[in-house]
N, C-alpha and C. Protein backbone atom coordinates (compact mmCIF):
# COMPACT_ATOMS: atom_id res chain seq x y z
N MET A 1 40.54 -6.19 19.80
CA MET A 1 41.79 -6.89 19.46
C MET A 1 42.24 -7.80 20.59
N LYS A 2 41.96 -7.35 21.84
CA LYS A 2 42.32 -8.18 22.99
C LYS A 2 41.57 -9.50 22.96
N ASP A 3 40.28 -9.45 22.61
CA ASP A 3 39.48 -10.67 22.52
C ASP A 3 40.00 -11.58 21.41
N PHE A 4 40.46 -10.98 20.31
CA PHE A 4 40.99 -11.78 19.20
C PHE A 4 42.22 -12.57 19.66
N TRP A 5 43.14 -11.91 20.36
CA TRP A 5 44.33 -12.59 20.84
C TRP A 5 43.98 -13.65 21.88
N LYS A 6 42.99 -13.35 22.71
CA LYS A 6 42.58 -14.32 23.73
C LYS A 6 41.99 -15.57 23.08
N GLU A 7 41.23 -15.37 22.01
CA GLU A 7 40.57 -16.49 21.35
C GLU A 7 41.53 -17.29 20.48
N ASN A 8 42.47 -16.61 19.83
CA ASN A 8 43.32 -17.26 18.83
C ASN A 8 44.79 -17.34 19.22
N GLY A 9 45.11 -16.91 20.45
CA GLY A 9 46.51 -16.91 20.87
C GLY A 9 47.14 -18.28 20.85
N LEU A 10 46.36 -19.30 21.18
CA LEU A 10 46.89 -20.67 21.17
C LEU A 10 47.37 -21.06 19.78
N TYR A 11 46.60 -20.72 18.75
CA TYR A 11 46.96 -21.09 17.39
C TYR A 11 48.10 -20.23 16.85
N ILE A 12 48.14 -18.97 17.27
CA ILE A 12 49.28 -18.12 16.90
C ILE A 12 50.55 -18.68 17.52
N GLY A 13 50.45 -19.13 18.78
CA GLY A 13 51.60 -19.74 19.43
C GLY A 13 52.03 -21.03 18.76
N LYS A 14 51.06 -21.84 18.35
CA LYS A 14 51.38 -23.09 17.64
C LYS A 14 52.15 -22.81 16.35
N MET A 15 51.70 -21.79 15.62
CA MET A 15 52.35 -21.46 14.36
C MET A 15 53.77 -20.94 14.59
N THR A 16 53.96 -20.19 15.68
CA THR A 16 55.30 -19.70 16.01
C THR A 16 56.22 -20.86 16.35
N LEU A 17 55.74 -21.82 17.14
CA LEU A 17 56.54 -22.99 17.48
C LEU A 17 56.83 -23.84 16.24
N ASN A 18 55.84 -23.95 15.36
CA ASN A 18 56.05 -24.70 14.12
C ASN A 18 57.11 -24.05 13.26
N GLN A 19 57.13 -22.72 13.23
CA GLN A 19 58.17 -22.05 12.44
C GLN A 19 59.55 -22.30 13.05
N PHE A 20 59.61 -22.31 14.38
CA PHE A 20 60.89 -22.61 15.03
C PHE A 20 61.39 -24.00 14.63
N GLY A 21 60.47 -24.98 14.64
CA GLY A 21 60.86 -26.32 14.22
C GLY A 21 61.24 -26.39 12.76
N ALA A 22 60.48 -25.69 11.91
CA ALA A 22 60.74 -25.72 10.47
C ALA A 22 62.05 -25.03 10.14
N THR A 23 62.37 -23.92 10.84
CA THR A 23 63.61 -23.22 10.53
C THR A 23 64.82 -24.04 10.95
N PHE A 24 64.70 -24.76 12.09
CA PHE A 24 65.79 -25.65 12.52
C PHE A 24 65.98 -26.77 11.50
N PHE A 25 64.87 -27.34 11.06
CA PHE A 25 64.90 -28.40 10.06
C PHE A 25 65.52 -27.88 8.76
N GLY A 26 65.12 -26.66 8.36
CA GLY A 26 65.64 -26.09 7.12
C GLY A 26 67.12 -25.80 7.19
N VAL A 27 67.59 -25.24 8.32
CA VAL A 27 69.01 -24.94 8.47
C VAL A 27 69.84 -26.21 8.39
N MET A 28 69.37 -27.27 9.04
CA MET A 28 70.10 -28.54 9.00
C MET A 28 70.19 -29.09 7.57
N LEU A 29 69.07 -29.02 6.85
CA LEU A 29 69.07 -29.51 5.47
C LEU A 29 69.99 -28.69 4.58
N VAL A 30 69.93 -27.37 4.71
CA VAL A 30 70.74 -26.49 3.87
C VAL A 30 72.22 -26.68 4.18
N LEU A 31 72.56 -26.82 5.47
CA LEU A 31 73.96 -27.04 5.83
C LEU A 31 74.46 -28.36 5.27
N ALA A 32 73.62 -29.39 5.34
CA ALA A 32 74.01 -30.70 4.79
C ALA A 32 74.19 -30.60 3.28
N ALA A 33 73.29 -29.87 2.60
CA ALA A 33 73.39 -29.72 1.15
C ALA A 33 74.59 -28.87 0.77
N SER A 34 74.91 -27.87 1.58
CA SER A 34 76.05 -26.99 1.28
C SER A 34 77.37 -27.72 1.42
N ALA A 35 77.39 -28.80 2.21
CA ALA A 35 78.63 -29.56 2.40
C ALA A 35 79.03 -30.32 1.15
N ALA A 36 78.08 -30.58 0.28
CA ALA A 36 78.38 -31.29 -0.97
C ALA A 36 79.09 -30.34 -1.93
N GLN A 37 80.18 -30.78 -2.49
CA GLN A 37 80.97 -29.92 -3.38
C GLN A 37 80.36 -29.80 -4.76
N SER A 38 79.70 -30.84 -5.23
CA SER A 38 79.09 -30.81 -6.56
C SER A 38 77.60 -30.55 -6.45
N GLN A 39 77.07 -29.80 -7.40
CA GLN A 39 75.64 -29.49 -7.45
C GLN A 39 75.16 -28.81 -6.16
N ARG A 40 76.03 -27.97 -5.58
CA ARG A 40 75.69 -27.35 -4.30
C ARG A 40 74.45 -26.46 -4.41
N THR A 41 74.39 -25.66 -5.47
CA THR A 41 73.28 -24.71 -5.61
C THR A 41 71.94 -25.43 -5.68
N TRP A 42 71.88 -26.46 -6.53
CA TRP A 42 70.61 -27.16 -6.70
C TRP A 42 70.22 -27.94 -5.45
N LEU A 43 71.21 -28.46 -4.75
CA LEU A 43 70.91 -29.19 -3.52
C LEU A 43 70.37 -28.26 -2.43
N THR A 44 70.96 -27.06 -2.31
CA THR A 44 70.47 -26.12 -1.30
C THR A 44 69.07 -25.62 -1.67
N LEU A 45 68.81 -25.42 -2.95
CA LEU A 45 67.48 -25.01 -3.37
C LEU A 45 66.46 -26.12 -3.08
N PHE A 46 66.85 -27.35 -3.35
CA PHE A 46 65.96 -28.48 -3.09
C PHE A 46 65.70 -28.61 -1.59
N ALA A 47 66.76 -28.44 -0.77
CA ALA A 47 66.61 -28.53 0.68
C ALA A 47 65.66 -27.45 1.19
N SER A 48 65.81 -26.23 0.67
CA SER A 48 64.92 -25.14 1.09
C SER A 48 63.48 -25.40 0.64
N ALA A 49 63.33 -25.92 -0.57
CA ALA A 49 61.99 -26.21 -1.08
C ALA A 49 61.32 -27.27 -0.21
N PHE A 50 62.06 -28.30 0.18
CA PHE A 50 61.51 -29.37 1.01
C PHE A 50 61.13 -28.81 2.40
N ALA A 51 62.01 -28.00 3.00
CA ALA A 51 61.73 -27.43 4.32
C ALA A 51 60.57 -26.45 4.26
N THR A 52 60.47 -25.69 3.17
CA THR A 52 59.38 -24.73 3.02
C THR A 52 58.04 -25.44 2.88
N ILE A 53 58.00 -26.51 2.09
CA ILE A 53 56.78 -27.29 1.94
C ILE A 53 56.36 -27.89 3.28
N PHE A 54 57.35 -28.38 4.03
CA PHE A 54 57.07 -28.92 5.36
C PHE A 54 56.46 -27.84 6.27
N TYR A 55 57.03 -26.64 6.23
CA TYR A 55 56.51 -25.54 7.04
C TYR A 55 55.10 -25.14 6.62
N LEU A 56 54.87 -25.04 5.32
CA LEU A 56 53.54 -24.66 4.84
C LEU A 56 52.51 -25.73 5.17
N PHE A 57 52.93 -26.99 5.19
CA PHE A 57 52.02 -28.06 5.59
C PHE A 57 51.61 -27.90 7.05
N LEU A 58 52.58 -27.52 7.90
CA LEU A 58 52.25 -27.27 9.31
C LEU A 58 51.28 -26.10 9.45
N VAL A 59 51.50 -25.05 8.65
CA VAL A 59 50.57 -23.91 8.66
C VAL A 59 49.18 -24.36 8.25
N TYR A 60 49.11 -25.17 7.20
CA TYR A 60 47.83 -25.68 6.71
C TYR A 60 47.12 -26.49 7.79
N THR A 61 47.85 -27.36 8.46
CA THR A 61 47.25 -28.23 9.48
C THR A 61 46.65 -27.42 10.62
N VAL A 62 47.40 -26.44 11.13
CA VAL A 62 46.93 -25.64 12.26
C VAL A 62 45.69 -24.83 11.89
N LEU A 63 45.73 -24.17 10.73
CA LEU A 63 44.61 -23.30 10.36
C LEU A 63 43.40 -24.09 9.90
N TRP A 64 43.60 -25.27 9.31
CA TRP A 64 42.45 -26.10 8.94
C TRP A 64 41.73 -26.56 10.22
N GLU A 65 42.51 -26.94 11.22
CA GLU A 65 41.92 -27.35 12.50
C GLU A 65 41.11 -26.21 13.12
N LYS A 66 41.67 -25.00 13.07
CA LYS A 66 40.96 -23.85 13.63
C LYS A 66 39.68 -23.56 12.84
N GLY A 67 39.75 -23.65 11.51
CA GLY A 67 38.56 -23.45 10.69
C GLY A 67 37.49 -24.48 10.96
N GLY A 68 37.91 -25.73 11.18
CA GLY A 68 36.96 -26.79 11.50
C GLY A 68 36.26 -26.57 12.82
N GLN A 69 37.02 -26.11 13.83
CA GLN A 69 36.40 -25.82 15.12
C GLN A 69 35.42 -24.66 15.03
N ASP A 70 35.80 -23.63 14.27
CA ASP A 70 34.90 -22.48 14.12
C ASP A 70 33.66 -22.85 13.32
N ARG A 71 33.78 -23.81 12.41
CA ARG A 71 32.61 -24.24 11.63
C ARG A 71 31.53 -24.80 12.55
N ILE A 72 31.94 -25.54 13.57
CA ILE A 72 30.97 -26.09 14.53
C ILE A 72 30.26 -24.97 15.25
N ARG A 73 31.01 -23.94 15.64
CA ARG A 73 30.39 -22.80 16.34
C ARG A 73 29.48 -22.01 15.42
N VAL A 74 29.88 -21.86 14.17
CA VAL A 74 29.06 -21.13 13.20
C VAL A 74 27.76 -21.88 12.94
N ASP A 75 27.85 -23.20 12.76
CA ASP A 75 26.66 -24.00 12.49
C ASP A 75 25.68 -24.00 13.65
N SER A 76 26.21 -23.85 14.86
CA SER A 76 25.33 -23.84 16.04
C SER A 76 24.86 -22.42 16.40
N GLY A 77 25.29 -21.43 15.61
CA GLY A 77 24.86 -20.06 15.84
C GLY A 77 25.59 -19.35 16.96
N ARG A 78 26.70 -19.93 17.44
CA ARG A 78 27.43 -19.32 18.55
C ARG A 78 28.51 -18.34 18.08
N GLN A 79 28.74 -18.29 16.77
CA GLN A 79 29.80 -17.44 16.25
C GLN A 79 29.45 -16.98 14.85
N ALA A 80 29.82 -15.75 14.52
CA ALA A 80 29.58 -15.23 13.18
C ALA A 80 30.60 -15.84 12.21
N ARG A 81 30.22 -15.94 10.98
CA ARG A 81 31.09 -16.52 9.95
C ARG A 81 32.07 -15.45 9.46
N ARG A 82 33.35 -15.71 9.63
CA ARG A 82 34.40 -14.77 9.22
C ARG A 82 35.43 -15.52 8.37
N PRO A 83 35.23 -15.57 7.06
CA PRO A 83 36.09 -16.39 6.20
C PRO A 83 37.54 -15.92 6.12
N PHE A 84 37.81 -14.64 6.46
CA PHE A 84 39.19 -14.13 6.38
C PHE A 84 39.90 -14.14 7.73
N LYS A 85 39.31 -14.79 8.69
CA LYS A 85 39.90 -14.85 10.02
C LYS A 85 41.24 -15.58 10.00
N GLY A 86 41.34 -16.63 9.20
CA GLY A 86 42.59 -17.39 9.12
C GLY A 86 43.73 -16.55 8.59
N LEU A 87 43.44 -15.67 7.64
CA LEU A 87 44.47 -14.78 7.11
C LEU A 87 44.98 -13.84 8.19
N LEU A 88 44.06 -13.32 9.01
CA LEU A 88 44.45 -12.42 10.10
C LEU A 88 45.28 -13.16 11.14
N ILE A 89 44.92 -14.40 11.44
CA ILE A 89 45.70 -15.20 12.39
C ILE A 89 47.11 -15.40 11.86
N THR A 90 47.22 -15.69 10.57
CA THR A 90 48.53 -15.92 9.96
C THR A 90 49.36 -14.65 9.96
N VAL A 91 48.73 -13.52 9.72
CA VAL A 91 49.44 -12.24 9.76
C VAL A 91 50.01 -12.01 11.16
N CYS A 92 49.20 -12.26 12.19
CA CYS A 92 49.66 -12.09 13.58
C CYS A 92 50.84 -13.02 13.89
N ALA A 93 50.77 -14.26 13.41
CA ALA A 93 51.86 -15.20 13.65
C ALA A 93 53.12 -14.81 12.90
N ASN A 94 52.97 -14.06 11.82
CA ASN A 94 54.12 -13.66 11.00
C ASN A 94 54.60 -12.24 11.30
N ILE A 95 54.11 -11.65 12.38
CA ILE A 95 54.57 -10.30 12.75
C ILE A 95 56.09 -10.23 12.90
N PRO A 96 56.74 -11.21 13.56
CA PRO A 96 58.21 -11.16 13.64
C PRO A 96 58.87 -11.16 12.27
N ASN A 97 58.36 -11.98 11.34
CA ASN A 97 58.94 -12.04 10.00
C ASN A 97 58.76 -10.70 9.26
N ILE A 98 57.57 -10.12 9.41
CA ILE A 98 57.30 -8.85 8.75
C ILE A 98 58.18 -7.75 9.32
N LEU A 99 58.32 -7.71 10.65
CA LEU A 99 59.15 -6.68 11.28
C LEU A 99 60.62 -6.83 10.88
N LEU A 100 61.09 -8.07 10.80
CA LEU A 100 62.47 -8.28 10.37
C LEU A 100 62.69 -7.81 8.94
N GLY A 101 61.72 -8.06 8.06
CA GLY A 101 61.82 -7.59 6.69
C GLY A 101 61.83 -6.08 6.60
N VAL A 102 60.96 -5.44 7.39
CA VAL A 102 60.90 -3.97 7.39
C VAL A 102 62.20 -3.38 7.94
N LEU A 103 62.74 -4.00 9.02
CA LEU A 103 64.01 -3.52 9.58
C LEU A 103 65.15 -3.68 8.58
N ASP A 104 65.14 -4.79 7.85
CA ASP A 104 66.17 -5.02 6.84
C ASP A 104 66.13 -3.92 5.78
N ILE A 105 64.94 -3.63 5.28
CA ILE A 105 64.80 -2.60 4.25
C ILE A 105 65.16 -1.22 4.82
N GLY A 106 64.64 -0.92 6.02
CA GLY A 106 64.88 0.40 6.60
C GLY A 106 66.35 0.67 6.87
N THR A 107 67.06 -0.31 7.43
CA THR A 107 68.48 -0.10 7.73
C THR A 107 69.31 -0.04 6.45
N ARG A 108 68.90 -0.75 5.43
CA ARG A 108 69.62 -0.65 4.16
C ARG A 108 69.45 0.74 3.54
N LEU A 109 68.25 1.29 3.69
CA LEU A 109 68.02 2.64 3.16
C LEU A 109 68.87 3.68 3.90
N LEU A 110 69.15 3.43 5.18
CA LEU A 110 69.93 4.37 5.98
C LEU A 110 71.43 4.13 5.90
N MET A 111 71.82 3.01 5.32
CA MET A 111 73.24 2.68 5.25
C MET A 111 73.98 3.62 4.29
N ASN A 112 75.22 3.89 4.62
CA ASN A 112 76.12 4.65 3.74
C ASN A 112 77.03 3.66 3.02
N PRO A 113 76.88 3.52 1.70
CA PRO A 113 77.69 2.54 0.98
C PRO A 113 79.19 2.75 1.15
N GLU A 114 79.61 3.99 1.40
CA GLU A 114 81.03 4.28 1.55
C GLU A 114 81.53 3.99 2.96
N ASP A 115 80.60 3.84 3.90
CA ASP A 115 80.98 3.56 5.28
C ASP A 115 79.97 2.58 5.89
N PRO A 116 80.05 1.30 5.49
CA PRO A 116 79.05 0.31 5.94
C PRO A 116 79.16 -0.04 7.42
N ASP A 117 80.20 0.46 8.11
CA ASP A 117 80.37 0.12 9.52
C ASP A 117 79.62 1.07 10.45
N ARG A 118 78.86 2.00 9.89
CA ARG A 118 78.06 2.90 10.73
C ARG A 118 76.93 2.12 11.40
N LEU A 119 76.19 2.81 12.28
CA LEU A 119 75.18 2.15 13.10
C LEU A 119 74.16 1.39 12.27
N ALA A 120 73.65 2.00 11.20
CA ALA A 120 72.65 1.34 10.36
C ALA A 120 73.21 0.06 9.76
N GLY A 121 74.48 0.11 9.35
CA GLY A 121 75.10 -1.08 8.78
C GLY A 121 75.25 -2.20 9.79
N LYS A 122 75.61 -1.82 11.03
CA LYS A 122 75.75 -2.83 12.09
C LYS A 122 74.40 -3.46 12.43
N ILE A 123 73.37 -2.60 12.52
CA ILE A 123 72.02 -3.12 12.81
C ILE A 123 71.57 -4.04 11.69
N ASN A 124 71.85 -3.67 10.45
CA ASN A 124 71.45 -4.49 9.31
C ASN A 124 72.13 -5.86 9.35
N SER A 125 73.39 -5.89 9.75
CA SER A 125 74.10 -7.17 9.85
C SER A 125 73.46 -8.08 10.90
N VAL A 126 73.06 -7.47 12.03
CA VAL A 126 72.40 -8.24 13.08
C VAL A 126 71.05 -8.74 12.61
N VAL A 127 70.30 -7.88 11.92
CA VAL A 127 68.97 -8.25 11.42
C VAL A 127 69.09 -9.41 10.43
N ARG A 128 70.06 -9.33 9.53
CA ARG A 128 70.23 -10.41 8.54
C ARG A 128 70.62 -11.72 9.19
N ALA A 129 71.40 -11.65 10.26
CA ALA A 129 71.77 -12.87 10.99
C ALA A 129 70.54 -13.49 11.66
N ILE A 130 69.70 -12.63 12.25
CA ILE A 130 68.47 -13.12 12.89
C ILE A 130 67.53 -13.73 11.85
N VAL A 131 67.42 -13.06 10.70
CA VAL A 131 66.57 -13.57 9.62
C VAL A 131 67.03 -14.95 9.18
N LEU A 132 68.34 -15.12 9.06
CA LEU A 132 68.88 -16.42 8.63
C LEU A 132 68.53 -17.52 9.63
N LEU A 133 68.56 -17.19 10.92
CA LEU A 133 68.26 -18.19 11.94
C LEU A 133 66.76 -18.41 12.11
N TRP A 134 65.95 -17.36 12.02
CA TRP A 134 64.52 -17.46 12.26
C TRP A 134 63.76 -17.94 11.03
N GLU A 135 64.32 -17.73 9.85
CA GLU A 135 63.67 -18.14 8.61
C GLU A 135 64.57 -19.10 7.84
N GLY A 136 65.09 -20.08 8.58
CA GLY A 136 66.07 -21.01 8.01
C GLY A 136 65.53 -21.85 6.88
N MET A 137 64.21 -22.07 6.82
CA MET A 137 63.66 -22.88 5.73
C MET A 137 63.83 -22.18 4.39
N TYR A 138 64.03 -20.85 4.42
CA TYR A 138 64.22 -20.10 3.17
C TYR A 138 65.69 -19.83 2.88
N ALA A 139 66.60 -20.39 3.68
CA ALA A 139 68.02 -20.05 3.57
C ALA A 139 68.58 -20.33 2.18
N GLY A 140 68.19 -21.45 1.59
CA GLY A 140 68.68 -21.77 0.25
C GLY A 140 68.20 -20.78 -0.79
N PHE A 141 66.94 -20.34 -0.68
CA PHE A 141 66.41 -19.35 -1.61
C PHE A 141 67.13 -18.01 -1.46
N VAL A 142 67.39 -17.60 -0.20
CA VAL A 142 68.09 -16.33 0.05
C VAL A 142 69.52 -16.40 -0.50
N SER A 143 70.19 -17.53 -0.29
CA SER A 143 71.55 -17.70 -0.81
C SER A 143 71.56 -17.62 -2.33
N TYR A 144 70.58 -18.25 -2.95
CA TYR A 144 70.50 -18.19 -4.41
C TYR A 144 70.21 -16.78 -4.89
N ALA A 145 69.35 -16.06 -4.16
CA ALA A 145 69.05 -14.67 -4.52
C ALA A 145 70.29 -13.80 -4.42
N HIS A 146 71.14 -14.07 -3.42
CA HIS A 146 72.40 -13.33 -3.29
C HIS A 146 73.27 -13.51 -4.52
N SER A 147 73.29 -14.73 -5.05
CA SER A 147 74.14 -14.99 -6.22
C SER A 147 73.56 -14.43 -7.51
N VAL A 148 72.24 -14.27 -7.55
CA VAL A 148 71.59 -13.79 -8.77
C VAL A 148 71.52 -12.27 -8.81
N ILE A 149 71.23 -11.65 -7.65
CA ILE A 149 71.08 -10.18 -7.61
C ILE A 149 72.04 -9.57 -6.59
N PRO A 150 73.37 -9.79 -6.77
CA PRO A 150 74.32 -9.27 -5.77
C PRO A 150 74.40 -7.76 -5.75
N ASN A 151 74.08 -7.09 -6.85
CA ASN A 151 74.22 -5.64 -6.93
C ASN A 151 72.91 -4.91 -6.68
N HIS A 152 71.90 -5.62 -6.19
CA HIS A 152 70.59 -5.01 -5.93
C HIS A 152 70.17 -5.34 -4.49
N PRO A 153 70.84 -4.75 -3.49
CA PRO A 153 70.55 -5.09 -2.09
C PRO A 153 69.13 -4.76 -1.68
N TYR A 154 68.55 -3.67 -2.23
CA TYR A 154 67.19 -3.30 -1.84
C TYR A 154 66.18 -4.32 -2.36
N LEU A 155 66.42 -4.82 -3.57
CA LEU A 155 65.55 -5.85 -4.12
C LEU A 155 65.65 -7.12 -3.28
N LEU A 156 66.85 -7.42 -2.81
CA LEU A 156 67.04 -8.59 -1.96
C LEU A 156 66.29 -8.43 -0.65
N SER A 157 66.30 -7.24 -0.09
CA SER A 157 65.56 -6.99 1.14
C SER A 157 64.07 -7.13 0.92
N LEU A 158 63.58 -6.65 -0.22
CA LEU A 158 62.16 -6.82 -0.54
C LEU A 158 61.81 -8.29 -0.69
N THR A 159 62.75 -9.07 -1.21
CA THR A 159 62.53 -10.51 -1.33
C THR A 159 62.36 -11.15 0.04
N ARG A 160 63.16 -10.71 1.01
CA ARG A 160 63.03 -11.24 2.38
C ARG A 160 61.67 -10.91 2.97
N LEU A 161 61.15 -9.74 2.62
CA LEU A 161 59.83 -9.36 3.12
C LEU A 161 58.73 -10.13 2.40
N ALA A 162 58.95 -10.42 1.12
CA ALA A 162 57.92 -11.09 0.32
C ALA A 162 57.80 -12.58 0.62
N ILE A 163 58.81 -13.17 1.28
CA ILE A 163 58.75 -14.61 1.50
C ILE A 163 57.68 -15.01 2.51
N VAL A 164 57.07 -14.03 3.19
CA VAL A 164 55.98 -14.38 4.10
C VAL A 164 54.66 -14.60 3.34
N ILE A 165 54.62 -14.18 2.08
CA ILE A 165 53.36 -14.25 1.32
C ILE A 165 52.84 -15.68 1.19
N PRO A 166 53.68 -16.69 0.85
CA PRO A 166 53.15 -18.06 0.75
C PRO A 166 52.46 -18.53 2.03
N ALA A 167 53.03 -18.22 3.19
CA ALA A 167 52.41 -18.64 4.46
C ALA A 167 51.07 -17.95 4.65
N LEU A 168 50.98 -16.67 4.28
CA LEU A 168 49.71 -15.95 4.41
C LEU A 168 48.65 -16.56 3.52
N LEU A 169 49.02 -16.90 2.29
CA LEU A 169 48.05 -17.48 1.36
C LEU A 169 47.61 -18.86 1.82
N VAL A 170 48.56 -19.68 2.25
CA VAL A 170 48.23 -21.04 2.70
C VAL A 170 47.37 -20.99 3.97
N GLY A 171 47.74 -20.12 4.91
CA GLY A 171 46.97 -20.01 6.15
C GLY A 171 45.55 -19.55 5.91
N GLY A 172 45.39 -18.52 5.08
CA GLY A 172 44.05 -18.04 4.77
C GLY A 172 43.21 -19.08 4.06
N ALA A 173 43.81 -19.79 3.10
CA ALA A 173 43.09 -20.82 2.36
C ALA A 173 42.75 -22.01 3.25
N ALA A 174 43.67 -22.40 4.13
CA ALA A 174 43.44 -23.56 5.00
C ALA A 174 42.28 -23.30 5.96
N TYR A 175 42.24 -22.11 6.53
CA TYR A 175 41.13 -21.78 7.44
C TYR A 175 39.80 -21.81 6.69
N TRP A 176 39.77 -21.23 5.49
CA TRP A 176 38.54 -21.23 4.69
C TRP A 176 38.10 -22.65 4.38
N MET A 177 39.06 -23.52 4.06
CA MET A 177 38.71 -24.91 3.75
C MET A 177 38.17 -25.62 4.98
N GLY A 178 38.79 -25.39 6.14
CA GLY A 178 38.28 -25.99 7.37
C GLY A 178 36.90 -25.47 7.72
N LEU A 179 36.69 -24.18 7.48
CA LEU A 179 35.39 -23.57 7.76
C LEU A 179 34.29 -24.15 6.88
N ASN A 180 34.66 -24.59 5.68
CA ASN A 180 33.70 -25.16 4.73
C ASN A 180 33.79 -26.67 4.62
N ASN A 181 34.53 -27.29 5.55
CA ASN A 181 34.68 -28.75 5.60
C ASN A 181 35.21 -29.31 4.28
N LYS A 182 36.22 -28.65 3.76
CA LYS A 182 36.89 -29.12 2.54
C LYS A 182 38.32 -29.47 2.89
N ARG A 183 38.83 -30.51 2.25
CA ARG A 183 40.20 -30.95 2.51
C ARG A 183 41.04 -30.81 1.25
N LEU A 184 42.33 -30.71 1.48
CA LEU A 184 43.26 -30.51 0.37
C LEU A 184 43.21 -31.66 -0.61
N MET A 185 43.12 -32.88 -0.12
CA MET A 185 43.12 -34.06 -0.97
C MET A 185 41.72 -34.60 -1.23
N GLN A 186 40.70 -33.84 -0.89
CA GLN A 186 39.32 -34.31 -1.01
C GLN A 186 38.94 -34.73 -2.44
N PRO A 187 39.37 -34.00 -3.50
CA PRO A 187 39.00 -34.44 -4.86
C PRO A 187 39.55 -35.81 -5.23
N PHE A 188 40.61 -36.26 -4.50
CA PHE A 188 41.23 -37.54 -4.84
C PHE A 188 40.79 -38.68 -3.91
N GLU A 189 39.93 -38.36 -2.93
CA GLU A 189 39.47 -39.39 -2.01
C GLU A 189 38.42 -40.27 -2.67
N LEU A 190 38.45 -41.56 -2.33
CA LEU A 190 37.47 -42.50 -2.86
C LEU A 190 36.14 -42.28 -2.16
N LYS A 191 35.09 -42.19 -2.91
CA LYS A 191 33.76 -41.98 -2.34
C LYS A 191 33.20 -43.30 -1.84
N GLN A 192 32.63 -43.28 -0.64
CA GLN A 192 32.02 -44.47 -0.07
C GLN A 192 30.65 -44.70 -0.72
N PRO A 193 30.32 -45.96 -1.01
CA PRO A 193 29.00 -46.23 -1.60
C PRO A 193 27.87 -45.87 -0.65
N ASP A 194 26.78 -45.42 -1.21
CA ASP A 194 25.61 -45.06 -0.42
C ASP A 194 25.03 -46.33 0.20
N LYS A 195 25.00 -46.41 1.52
CA LYS A 195 24.58 -47.62 2.22
C LYS A 195 23.13 -47.97 1.92
N SER A 196 22.27 -46.93 1.88
CA SER A 196 20.84 -47.19 1.63
C SER A 196 20.63 -47.75 0.24
N ARG A 197 21.38 -47.22 -0.73
CA ARG A 197 21.24 -47.75 -2.10
C ARG A 197 21.76 -49.16 -2.19
N ALA A 198 22.86 -49.40 -1.48
CA ALA A 198 23.42 -50.75 -1.52
C ALA A 198 22.45 -51.76 -0.91
N ASP A 199 21.80 -51.35 0.20
CA ASP A 199 20.83 -52.25 0.83
C ASP A 199 19.64 -52.49 -0.08
N ASN A 200 19.14 -51.43 -0.71
CA ASN A 200 17.99 -51.58 -1.62
C ASN A 200 18.35 -52.46 -2.82
N GLY A 201 19.60 -52.28 -3.29
CA GLY A 201 20.03 -53.10 -4.42
C GLY A 201 20.11 -54.55 -4.05
N GLY A 202 20.56 -54.78 -2.82
CA GLY A 202 20.66 -56.17 -2.38
C GLY A 202 19.30 -56.80 -2.22
N GLU A 203 18.32 -56.02 -1.70
CA GLU A 203 16.98 -56.57 -1.56
C GLU A 203 16.34 -56.86 -2.91
N GLY A 204 16.61 -55.99 -3.91
CA GLY A 204 16.04 -56.22 -5.22
C GLY A 204 16.55 -57.47 -5.87
N ARG A 205 17.86 -57.72 -5.66
CA ARG A 205 18.44 -58.92 -6.27
C ARG A 205 17.93 -60.18 -5.59
N ALA A 206 17.65 -60.05 -4.27
CA ALA A 206 17.15 -61.23 -3.56
C ALA A 206 15.75 -61.59 -4.05
C-alpha cells in the first residue's frame, strides 16, 4: 500500500485540490442562485448540476492522463495491466468524503431526537457544516433533498454518502479509457484520410 501511495500520491493530491476548487465554485454558484427570489429551487439545482459536471470533468481529466501514462509503461512491459487501478485511486481521493458520510450516519444513529443538543447532535452539526463546505458542488442537491425528505434524516445521510458514487464511476472509467487510448469524444471526431491511399489515388489519376 505504501508503494501505491508513493506512485499515485500526486494524482490523489491533484484530485483533492480539484475538489477544493470545484466546491468553492459550486458554493459561489449556489449562493448566487439562492439570491434570486423566483425559481430559486430550479436555479440552485442547475447551479449544482453545472458545478458537479465541472468537478467530474476534472476527475476525468486527471484519471485519463494517469491511464495514458500507465499505458506507455504497460506497452513497454515495465508495468502490469491493472484496469481497476483508477477506481482505487478515486476511492483514495474520496476518503474524506466517505468518512464524512459515515460520521454523518453514525452520529445521527446516536442522536436522541428528544435532546438533539447532546454530544452526538453537536458532532453531527459540525459534520454537516464541513460537508456543506467540502462538497459545495452538491449543495443544491442536498438542499433539494432536505425539502423532499425532511422527515427521513437517515435517508438524507445515506444520500450524502452516495454522492461520491458518480466520481468513483467517472474516475474508474476515465482511467480505463486512458489505459486503452480511448477518448470521451472519440466517436464524434473526424477521421483523417489515409495518407498512403490518398497518395496512391493521386498517382492513379495522374
